[in-house]
Every structure is written in structure tokens, then in C-alpha cells.
Amino acid sequence: MKRLIFSVLFLVSFITGFAQQEAGSLTIQPKVGINLANYRGDDFIDKGESSDLRAGLAVGAELEYQFTHRLSASLAAMYSMQGAKVHMGASSPGYIHDLIFKTDYLVFPVMANFYITKNVALKLGLQPGVMFRKKYDIPGNEKLSGSFSRVDIQTNDFDLSIPMGFGLYFGSVVLDCRYNLGLTHIFKGYSVENSVFQFTLGYKIGLK
């Protein structure tokens, strides 16, 4: 499967040619991909709880302006499915149960992109976001769902993260790999932040 993916990307780059980063150019990039999201924080350790990854969708579009052939800035609007599978009460034998927390966001990453070659860019930025959905599922024979308000969980609806990573450019096709490090607490009164690996595939369209 991996060989097939790399073969397709190589074929695309061969047909379309290498990406040319021209100073003064403006592009828009529709993109779609996957999040591997989790929670991190001291409260999990203190309470003996733990969490596993939740896979989710990441979709949106990104504007990029090229200042020089090496440096550009981009602004994106993305729908980002985040959260985690939380093992509650891990420190209390006989009381362990799982909750799948679904905390989805509208995020707006602002990135600086430094092209070390025509086809590879390092990326670093700041990402504000607003919580768009907040609910939980209880997996089992009969899956139950509910809103956080039912179990008196209060959230901080604003989120701030530091996205960092790299992009691979195959002609107009862009493979973006980044890690979003959460800075703000997700739940009021709890030291728990977002931790998201994000992989997207986009297509650059010239506007200028």
C-alpha cells in the first residue's frame, strides 16, 4: 500500500513538474485529511486516567502568499475533528469505563513556511480555534451518547495551539504533515490540552 501511494505521488510530480515558488504568487489550496487526536495533561496522571487516539476528519482550504522563493505565509480555515478515547477511573478497580470525547473545532492556522528546497517546506505557526461540537459516546453493546451538559462538564470553547511540521510538494499536489500542540485547557478546572497529529492532501490553485 505504501509503495502504491509513493508511486502515485511520483507519477503526479513527473507529469506536473516540480513546484515553482514564485515571489508575489497567491494560491488557494483545498485540502482534506485525517487527524489522530488525543488529550494530554497532568490531570490524567494525577487521577490515574489515560486516553487513546481518536481518528477524525480534517477538511478546509488554505490561502498562501509567497514573499520570496524561500518564505511564504498562509492562513487556513479548517473543520477539525478532535477528542480522545478516555479511560475513566483507571485508578479505581472495578470502576473502569471508556468515554469517547468528541470535541470538534473550527480552526484557523496561521503559518510561516520556509522552503528548504522547491519541494520541501518547514512550517511553524499559531492556531486559534473555536469548539464546534462537544459530546461523548459510551461504547458497548448499546452505544450511548450525550452532551457534556448532561454530565456537568464545562468546556473552554476557545483553543490555541502551536502547529509545526513540514509539507511535501509534488507539482500542485501538497502532502502536509503537522503536529498541533495545545496550549489552552479544554475543560474548565482540568489541566488537559489537545494533542493532534494531522495529515492532509491538498491541491494548489494559482490566484495571482
C-alpha atoms as a PDB file:
ATOM      1  CA  MET A   1       0.000   0.000   0.000  1.00  0.00           C
ATOM      2  CA  LYS A   2       2.807   2.408   0.894  1.00  0.00           C
ATOM      3  CA  ARG A   3       4.604   1.629  -2.371  1.00  0.00           C
ATOM      4  CA  LEU A   4       1.410   2.347  -4.303  1.00  0.00           C
ATOM      5  CA  ILE A   5       0.944   5.737  -2.597  1.00  0.00           C
ATOM      6  CA  PHE A   6       4.529   6.808  -3.261  1.00  0.00           C
ATOM      7  CA  SER A   7       4.311   5.568  -6.858  1.00  0.00           C
ATOM      8  CA  VAL A   8       1.186   7.680  -7.463  1.00  0.00           C
ATOM      9  CA  LEU A   9       2.811  10.764  -5.907  1.00  0.00           C
ATOM     10  CA  PHE A  10       5.945  10.258  -8.006  1.00  0.00           C
ATOM     11  CA  LEU A  11       3.836   9.943 -11.151  1.00  0.00           C
ATOM     12  CA  VAL A  12       1.954  13.148 -10.326  1.00  0.00           C
ATOM     13  CA  SER A  13       5.221  15.027  -9.791  1.00  0.00           C
ATOM     14  CA  PHE A  14       6.623  13.667 -13.067  1.00  0.00           C
ATOM     15  CA  ILE A  15       3.565  14.759 -15.053  1.00  0.00           C
ATOM     16  CA  THR A  16       3.076  18.204 -13.500  1.00  0.00           C
ATOM     17  CA  GLY A  17       6.706  19.097 -12.894  1.00  0.00           C
ATOM     18  CA  PHE A  18       8.287  20.438  -9.724  1.00  0.00           C
ATOM     19  CA  ALA A  19       6.560  23.163  -7.736  1.00  0.00           C
ATOM     20  CA  GLN A  20       7.808  26.635  -8.537  1.00  0.00           C
ATOM     21  CA  GLN A  21       7.568  29.021  -5.601  1.00  0.00           C
ATOM     22  CA  GLU A  22       7.422  32.413  -7.313  1.00  0.00           C
ATOM     23  CA  ALA A  23       7.663  35.594  -5.226  1.00  0.00           C
ATOM     24  CA  GLY A  24       4.395  37.526  -5.213  1.00  0.00           C
ATOM     25  CA  SER A  25       2.233  34.490  -6.056  1.00  0.00           C
ATOM     26  CA  LEU A  26      -1.049  33.807  -4.270  1.00  0.00           C
ATOM     27  CA  THR A  27      -2.620  30.359  -4.191  1.00  0.00           C
ATOM     28  CA  ILE A  28      -5.635  28.672  -2.658  1.00  0.00           C
ATOM     29  CA  GLN A  29      -5.407  25.056  -1.574  1.00  0.00           C
ATOM     30  CA  PRO A  30      -8.486  22.919  -0.858  1.00  0.00           C
ATOM     31  CA  LYS A  31      -7.334  20.134   1.448  1.00  0.00           C
ATOM     32  CA  VAL A  32      -8.677  17.052   3.188  1.00  0.00           C
ATOM     33  CA  GLY A  33      -7.109  14.545   5.527  1.00  0.00           C
ATOM     34  CA  ILE A  34      -7.114  12.791   8.856  1.00  0.00           C
ATOM     35  CA  ASN A  35      -6.490  13.754  12.469  1.00  0.00           C
ATOM     36  CA  LEU A  36      -5.029  11.411  15.066  1.00  0.00           C
ATOM     37  CA  ALA A  37      -6.127  13.310  18.154  1.00  0.00           C
ATOM     38  CA  ASN A  38      -5.587  12.796  21.854  1.00  0.00           C
ATOM     39  CA  TYR A  39      -5.570  14.659  25.162  1.00  0.00           C
ATOM     40  CA  ARG A  40      -2.531  15.365  27.272  1.00  0.00           C
ATOM     41  CA  GLY A  41      -2.130  16.901  30.709  1.00  0.00           C
ATOM     42  CA  ASP A  42      -1.179  16.467  34.354  1.00  0.00           C
ATOM     43  CA  ASP A  43      -4.751  15.713  35.480  1.00  0.00           C
ATOM     44  CA  PHE A  44      -4.723  12.372  33.667  1.00  0.00           C
ATOM     45  CA  ILE A  45      -1.632  11.321  35.604  1.00  0.00           C
ATOM     46  CA  ASP A  46      -2.876  12.640  38.966  1.00  0.00           C
ATOM     47  CA  LYS A  47      -6.240  10.866  38.656  1.00  0.00           C
ATOM     48  CA  GLY A  48      -4.784   7.667  37.233  1.00  0.00           C
ATOM     49  CA  GLU A  49      -6.695   8.119  33.979  1.00  0.00           C
ATOM     50  CA  SER A  50      -5.401   7.610  30.454  1.00  0.00           C
ATOM     51  CA  SER A  51      -6.502   8.173  26.878  1.00  0.00           C
ATOM     52  CA  ASP A  52      -6.104   6.729  23.385  1.00  0.00           C
ATOM     53  CA  LEU A  53      -6.193   8.287  19.932  1.00  0.00           C
ATOM     54  CA  ARG A  54      -9.409   9.302  18.222  1.00  0.00           C
ATOM     55  CA  ALA A  55      -9.254   9.361  14.412  1.00  0.00           C
ATOM     56  CA  GLY A  56     -11.237  12.092  12.693  1.00  0.00           C
ATOM     57  CA  LEU A  57     -11.648  14.224   9.593  1.00  0.00           C
ATOM     58  CA  ALA A  58      -9.757  17.418   8.773  1.00  0.00           C
ATOM     59  CA  VAL A  59     -11.082  19.449   5.839  1.00  0.00           C
ATOM     60  CA  GLY A  60     -10.850  23.039   4.661  1.00  0.00           C
ATOM     61  CA  ALA A  61      -8.914  25.450   2.471  1.00  0.00           C
ATOM     62  CA  GLU A  62      -5.697  27.463   2.766  1.00  0.00           C
ATOM     63  CA  LEU A  63      -4.517  30.734   1.226  1.00  0.00           C
ATOM     64  CA  GLU A  64      -0.756  31.111   0.753  1.00  0.00           C
ATOM     65  CA  TYR A  65       1.189  34.215  -0.251  1.00  0.00           C
ATOM     66  CA  GLN A  66       4.786  33.824  -1.419  1.00  0.00           C
ATOM     67  CA  PHE A  67       7.040  36.658  -0.168  1.00  0.00           C
ATOM     68  CA  THR A  68      10.203  35.175  -1.677  1.00  0.00           C
ATOM     69  CA  HIS A  69      11.014  31.830  -3.294  1.00  0.00           C
ATOM     70  CA  ARG A  70      12.006  30.641   0.212  1.00  0.00           C
ATOM     71  CA  LEU A  71       9.427  32.243   2.521  1.00  0.00           C
ATOM     72  CA  SER A  72       5.633  32.362   2.490  1.00  0.00           C
ATOM     73  CA  ALA A  73       2.735  32.883   4.889  1.00  0.00           C
ATOM     74  CA  SER A  74      -0.567  31.023   4.878  1.00  0.00           C
ATOM     75  CA  LEU A  75      -3.985  31.303   6.506  1.00  0.00           C
ATOM     76  CA  ALA A  76      -6.434  28.404   6.552  1.00  0.00           C
ATOM     77  CA  ALA A  77      -9.947  27.654   7.744  1.00  0.00           C
ATOM     78  CA  MET A  78     -10.426  24.015   8.734  1.00  0.00           C
ATOM     79  CA  TYR A  79     -13.042  21.777  10.303  1.00  0.00           C
ATOM     80  CA  SER A  80     -11.054  19.588  12.683  1.00  0.00           C
ATOM     81  CA  MET A  81     -12.487  16.508  14.396  1.00  0.00           C
ATOM     82  CA  GLN A  82     -10.610  16.072  17.684  1.00  0.00           C
ATOM     83  CA  GLY A  83     -11.033  14.443  21.072  1.00  0.00           C
ATOM     84  CA  ALA A  84      -9.885  11.177  22.624  1.00  0.00           C
ATOM     85  CA  LYS A  85     -10.979   7.816  23.961  1.00  0.00           C
ATOM     86  CA  VAL A  86     -10.673   8.356  27.709  1.00  0.00           C
ATOM     87  CA  HIS A  87     -10.327   5.501  30.205  1.00  0.00           C
ATOM     88  CA  MET A  88     -12.125   6.876  33.247  1.00  0.00           C
ATOM     89  CA  GLY A  89     -11.419   5.706  36.787  1.00  0.00           C
ATOM     90  CA  ALA A  90      -8.292   3.752  35.901  1.00  0.00           C
ATOM     91  CA  SER A  91      -7.108   4.194  39.494  1.00  0.00           C
ATOM     92  CA  SER A  92     -10.306   2.640  40.917  1.00  0.00           C
ATOM     93  CA  PRO A  93     -10.524  -1.149  40.266  1.00  0.00           C
ATOM     94  CA  GLY A  94     -13.983  -2.247  39.194  1.00  0.00           C
ATOM     95  CA  TYR A  95     -14.984   1.252  38.067  1.00  0.00           C
ATOM     96  CA  ILE A  96     -13.169   1.470  34.742  1.00  0.00           C
ATOM     97  CA  HIS A  97     -15.226   2.554  31.751  1.00  0.00           C
ATOM     98  CA  ASP A  98     -14.488   4.301  28.478  1.00  0.00           C
ATOM     99  CA  LEU A  99     -15.824   7.554  27.115  1.00  0.00           C
ATOM    100  CA  ILE A 100     -15.169   8.736  23.572  1.00  0.00           C
ATOM    101  CA  PHE A 101     -14.947  12.510  23.850  1.00  0.00           C
ATOM    102  CA  LYS A 102     -15.824  14.244  20.571  1.00  0.00           C
ATOM    103  CA  THR A 103     -14.538  17.801  20.757  1.00  0.00           C
ATOM    104  CA  ASP A 104     -14.559  19.164  17.209  1.00  0.00           C
ATOM    105  CA  TYR A 105     -13.258  22.604  16.244  1.00  0.00           C
ATOM    106  CA  LEU A 106     -13.251  25.262  13.587  1.00  0.00           C
ATOM    107  CA  VAL A 107      -9.559  26.188  13.454  1.00  0.00           C
ATOM    108  CA  PHE A 108      -7.670  28.974  11.675  1.00  0.00           C
ATOM    109  CA  PRO A 109      -3.950  28.129  11.454  1.00  0.00           C
ATOM    110  CA  VAL A 110      -1.622  30.994  10.538  1.00  0.00           C
ATOM    111  CA  MET A 111       1.658  29.542   9.280  1.00  0.00           C
ATOM    112  CA  ALA A 112       5.121  30.660   8.246  1.00  0.00           C
ATOM    113  CA  ASN A 113       6.514  28.341   5.562  1.00  0.00           C
ATOM    114  CA  PHE A 114      10.234  28.104   4.829  1.00  0.00           C
ATOM    115  CA  TYR A 115      11.129  26.208   1.641  1.00  0.00           C
ATOM    116  CA  ILE A 116      14.423  24.378   2.129  1.00  0.00           C
ATOM    117  CA  THR A 117      14.011  23.050  -1.442  1.00  0.00           C
ATOM    118  CA  LYS A 118      11.405  23.640  -4.131  1.00  0.00           C
ATOM    119  CA  ASN A 119       9.572  20.548  -2.910  1.00  0.00           C
ATOM    120  CA  VAL A 120      10.006  20.635   0.879  1.00  0.00           C
ATOM    121  CA  ALA A 121       8.842  23.339   3.298  1.00  0.00           C
ATOM    122  CA  LEU A 122       9.176  23.557   7.069  1.00  0.00           C
ATOM    123  CA  LYS A 123       6.109  25.003   8.805  1.00  0.00           C
ATOM    124  CA  LEU A 124       5.510  26.777  12.123  1.00  0.00           C
ATOM    125  CA  GLY A 125       2.621  28.926  13.278  1.00  0.00           C
ATOM    126  CA  LEU A 126      -0.212  29.698  15.661  1.00  0.00           C
ATOM    127  CA  GLN A 127      -3.694  28.211  15.509  1.00  0.00           C
ATOM    128  CA  PRO A 128      -6.740  29.723  17.223  1.00  0.00           C
ATOM    129  CA  GLY A 129      -9.860  27.612  17.215  1.00  0.00           C
ATOM    130  CA  VAL A 130     -13.459  27.523  18.410  1.00  0.00           C
ATOM    131  CA  MET A 131     -15.123  24.365  19.714  1.00  0.00           C
ATOM    132  CA  PHE A 132     -17.896  23.464  17.282  1.00  0.00           C
ATOM    133  CA  ARG A 133     -19.213  20.235  18.789  1.00  0.00           C
ATOM    134  CA  LYS A 134     -18.927  18.736  22.279  1.00  0.00           C
ATOM    135  CA  LYS A 135     -20.429  15.359  23.071  1.00  0.00           C
ATOM    136  CA  TYR A 136     -19.458  11.928  24.339  1.00  0.00           C
ATOM    137  CA  ASP A 137     -20.157   8.322  23.386  1.00  0.00           C
ATOM    138  CA  ILE A 138     -20.131   5.335  25.732  1.00  0.00           C
ATOM    139  CA  PRO A 139     -19.119   2.306  23.630  1.00  0.00           C
ATOM    140  CA  GLY A 140     -20.589  -1.103  24.378  1.00  0.00           C
ATOM    141  CA  ASN A 141     -23.343  -3.447  23.338  1.00  0.00           C
ATOM    142  CA  GLU A 142     -25.717  -0.494  23.200  1.00  0.00           C
ATOM    143  CA  LYS A 143     -23.736   2.660  22.455  1.00  0.00           C
ATOM    144  CA  LEU A 144     -24.982   5.663  24.398  1.00  0.00           C
ATOM    145  CA  SER A 145     -24.381   9.302  23.540  1.00  0.00           C
ATOM    146  CA  GLY A 146     -24.873  12.572  25.303  1.00  0.00           C
ATOM    147  CA  SER A 147     -23.860  16.197  25.603  1.00  0.00           C
ATOM    148  CA  PHE A 148     -21.322  17.448  28.123  1.00  0.00           C
ATOM    149  CA  SER A 149     -24.012  19.482  29.880  1.00  0.00           C
ATOM    150  CA  ARG A 150     -25.766  16.258  30.924  1.00  0.00           C
ATOM    151  CA  VAL A 151     -22.768  15.206  32.986  1.00  0.00           C
ATOM    152  CA  ASP A 152     -21.869  18.735  34.134  1.00  0.00           C
ATOM    153  CA  ILE A 153     -18.644  19.035  32.110  1.00  0.00           C
ATOM    154  CA  GLN A 154     -17.794  22.644  31.305  1.00  0.00           C
ATOM    155  CA  THR A 155     -15.520  23.435  28.379  1.00  0.00           C
ATOM    156  CA  ASN A 156     -13.332  26.312  27.296  1.00  0.00           C
ATOM    157  CA  ASP A 157     -14.678  26.891  23.816  1.00  0.00           C
ATOM    158  CA  PHE A 158     -11.619  28.861  22.653  1.00  0.00           C
ATOM    159  CA  ASP A 159      -8.482  26.882  21.877  1.00  0.00           C
ATOM    160  CA  LEU A 160      -4.965  27.961  20.989  1.00  0.00           C
ATOM    161  CA  SER A 161      -2.369  25.581  19.574  1.00  0.00           C
ATOM    162  CA  ILE A 162       1.086  25.692  18.014  1.00  0.00           C
ATOM    163  CA  PRO A 163       1.127  23.821  14.677  1.00  0.00           C
ATOM    164  CA  MET A 164       4.515  22.611  13.446  1.00  0.00           C
ATOM    165  CA  GLY A 165       5.591  20.262  10.684  1.00  0.00           C
ATOM    166  CA  PHE A 166       6.502  20.078   7.022  1.00  0.00           C
ATOM    167  CA  GLY A 167       4.977  19.992   3.556  1.00  0.00           C
ATOM    168  CA  LEU A 168       5.950  17.890   0.532  1.00  0.00           C
ATOM    169  CA  TYR A 169       5.134  19.389  -2.875  1.00  0.00           C
ATOM    170  CA  PHE A 170       4.562  17.220  -5.950  1.00  0.00           C
ATOM    171  CA  GLY A 171       3.666  19.715  -8.646  1.00  0.00           C
ATOM    172  CA  SER A 172       0.368  21.221  -7.461  1.00  0.00           C
ATOM    173  CA  VAL A 173      -0.268  18.354  -5.027  1.00  0.00           C
ATOM    174  CA  VAL A 174       0.692  19.022  -1.391  1.00  0.00           C
ATOM    175  CA  LEU A 175       1.131  16.457   1.371  1.00  0.00           C
ATOM    176  CA  ASP A 176       1.083  18.320   4.690  1.00  0.00           C
ATOM    177  CA  CYS A 177       2.198  16.631   7.938  1.00  0.00           C
ATOM    178  CA  ARG A 178       1.994  18.537  11.196  1.00  0.00           C
ATOM    179  CA  TYR A 179       1.606  18.267  14.951  1.00  0.00           C
ATOM    180  CA  ASN A 180      -0.704  20.662  16.799  1.00  0.00           C
ATOM    181  CA  LEU A 181       0.410  21.264  20.392  1.00  0.00           C
ATOM    182  CA  GLY A 182      -2.478  22.564  22.507  1.00  0.00           C
ATOM    183  CA  LEU A 183      -1.761  25.459  24.876  1.00  0.00           C
ATOM    184  CA  THR A 184      -5.172  26.069  26.465  1.00  0.00           C
ATOM    185  CA  HIS A 185      -7.175  23.841  28.815  1.00  0.00           C
ATOM    186  CA  ILE A 186     -10.063  22.030  27.129  1.00  0.00           C
ATOM    187  CA  PHE A 187     -12.167  21.610  30.271  1.00  0.00           C
ATOM    188  CA  LYS A 188     -12.630  24.197  32.976  1.00  0.00           C
ATOM    189  CA  GLY A 189     -10.824  23.203  36.150  1.00  0.00           C
ATOM    190  CA  TYR A 190      -8.749  20.490  34.468  1.00  0.00           C
ATOM    191  CA  SER A 191      -5.184  20.665  33.160  1.00  0.00           C
ATOM    192  CA  VAL A 192      -5.884  18.835  29.890  1.00  0.00           C
ATOM    193  CA  GLU A 193      -4.846  20.098  26.436  1.00  0.00           C
ATOM    194  CA  ASN A 194      -5.217  18.985  22.823  1.00  0.00           C
ATOM    195  CA  SER A 195      -2.557  16.886  21.102  1.00  0.00           C
ATOM    196  CA  VAL A 196      -3.209  16.323  17.390  1.00  0.00           C
ATOM    197  CA  PHE A 197      -1.248  14.747  14.544  1.00  0.00           C
ATOM    198  CA  GLN A 198      -2.704  15.927  11.241  1.00  0.00           C
ATOM    199  CA  PHE A 199      -2.080  14.639   7.709  1.00  0.00           C
ATOM    200  CA  THR A 200      -3.751  16.342   4.744  1.00  0.00           C
ATOM    201  CA  LEU A 201      -3.601  16.157   0.967  1.00  0.00           C
ATOM    202  CA  GLY A 202      -4.262  19.365  -0.952  1.00  0.00           C
ATOM    203  CA  TYR A 203      -4.156  20.860  -4.423  1.00  0.00           C
ATOM    204  CA  LYS A 204      -2.712  24.332  -5.055  1.00  0.00           C
ATOM    205  CA  ILE A 205      -4.603  26.617  -7.444  1.00  0.00           C
ATOM    206  CA  GLY A 206      -2.969  29.844  -8.561  1.00  0.00           C
ATOM    207  CA  LEU A 207      -4.896  33.074  -7.950  1.00  0.00           C
ATOM    208  CA  LYS A 208      -2.112  35.526  -8.790  1.00  0.00           C
END
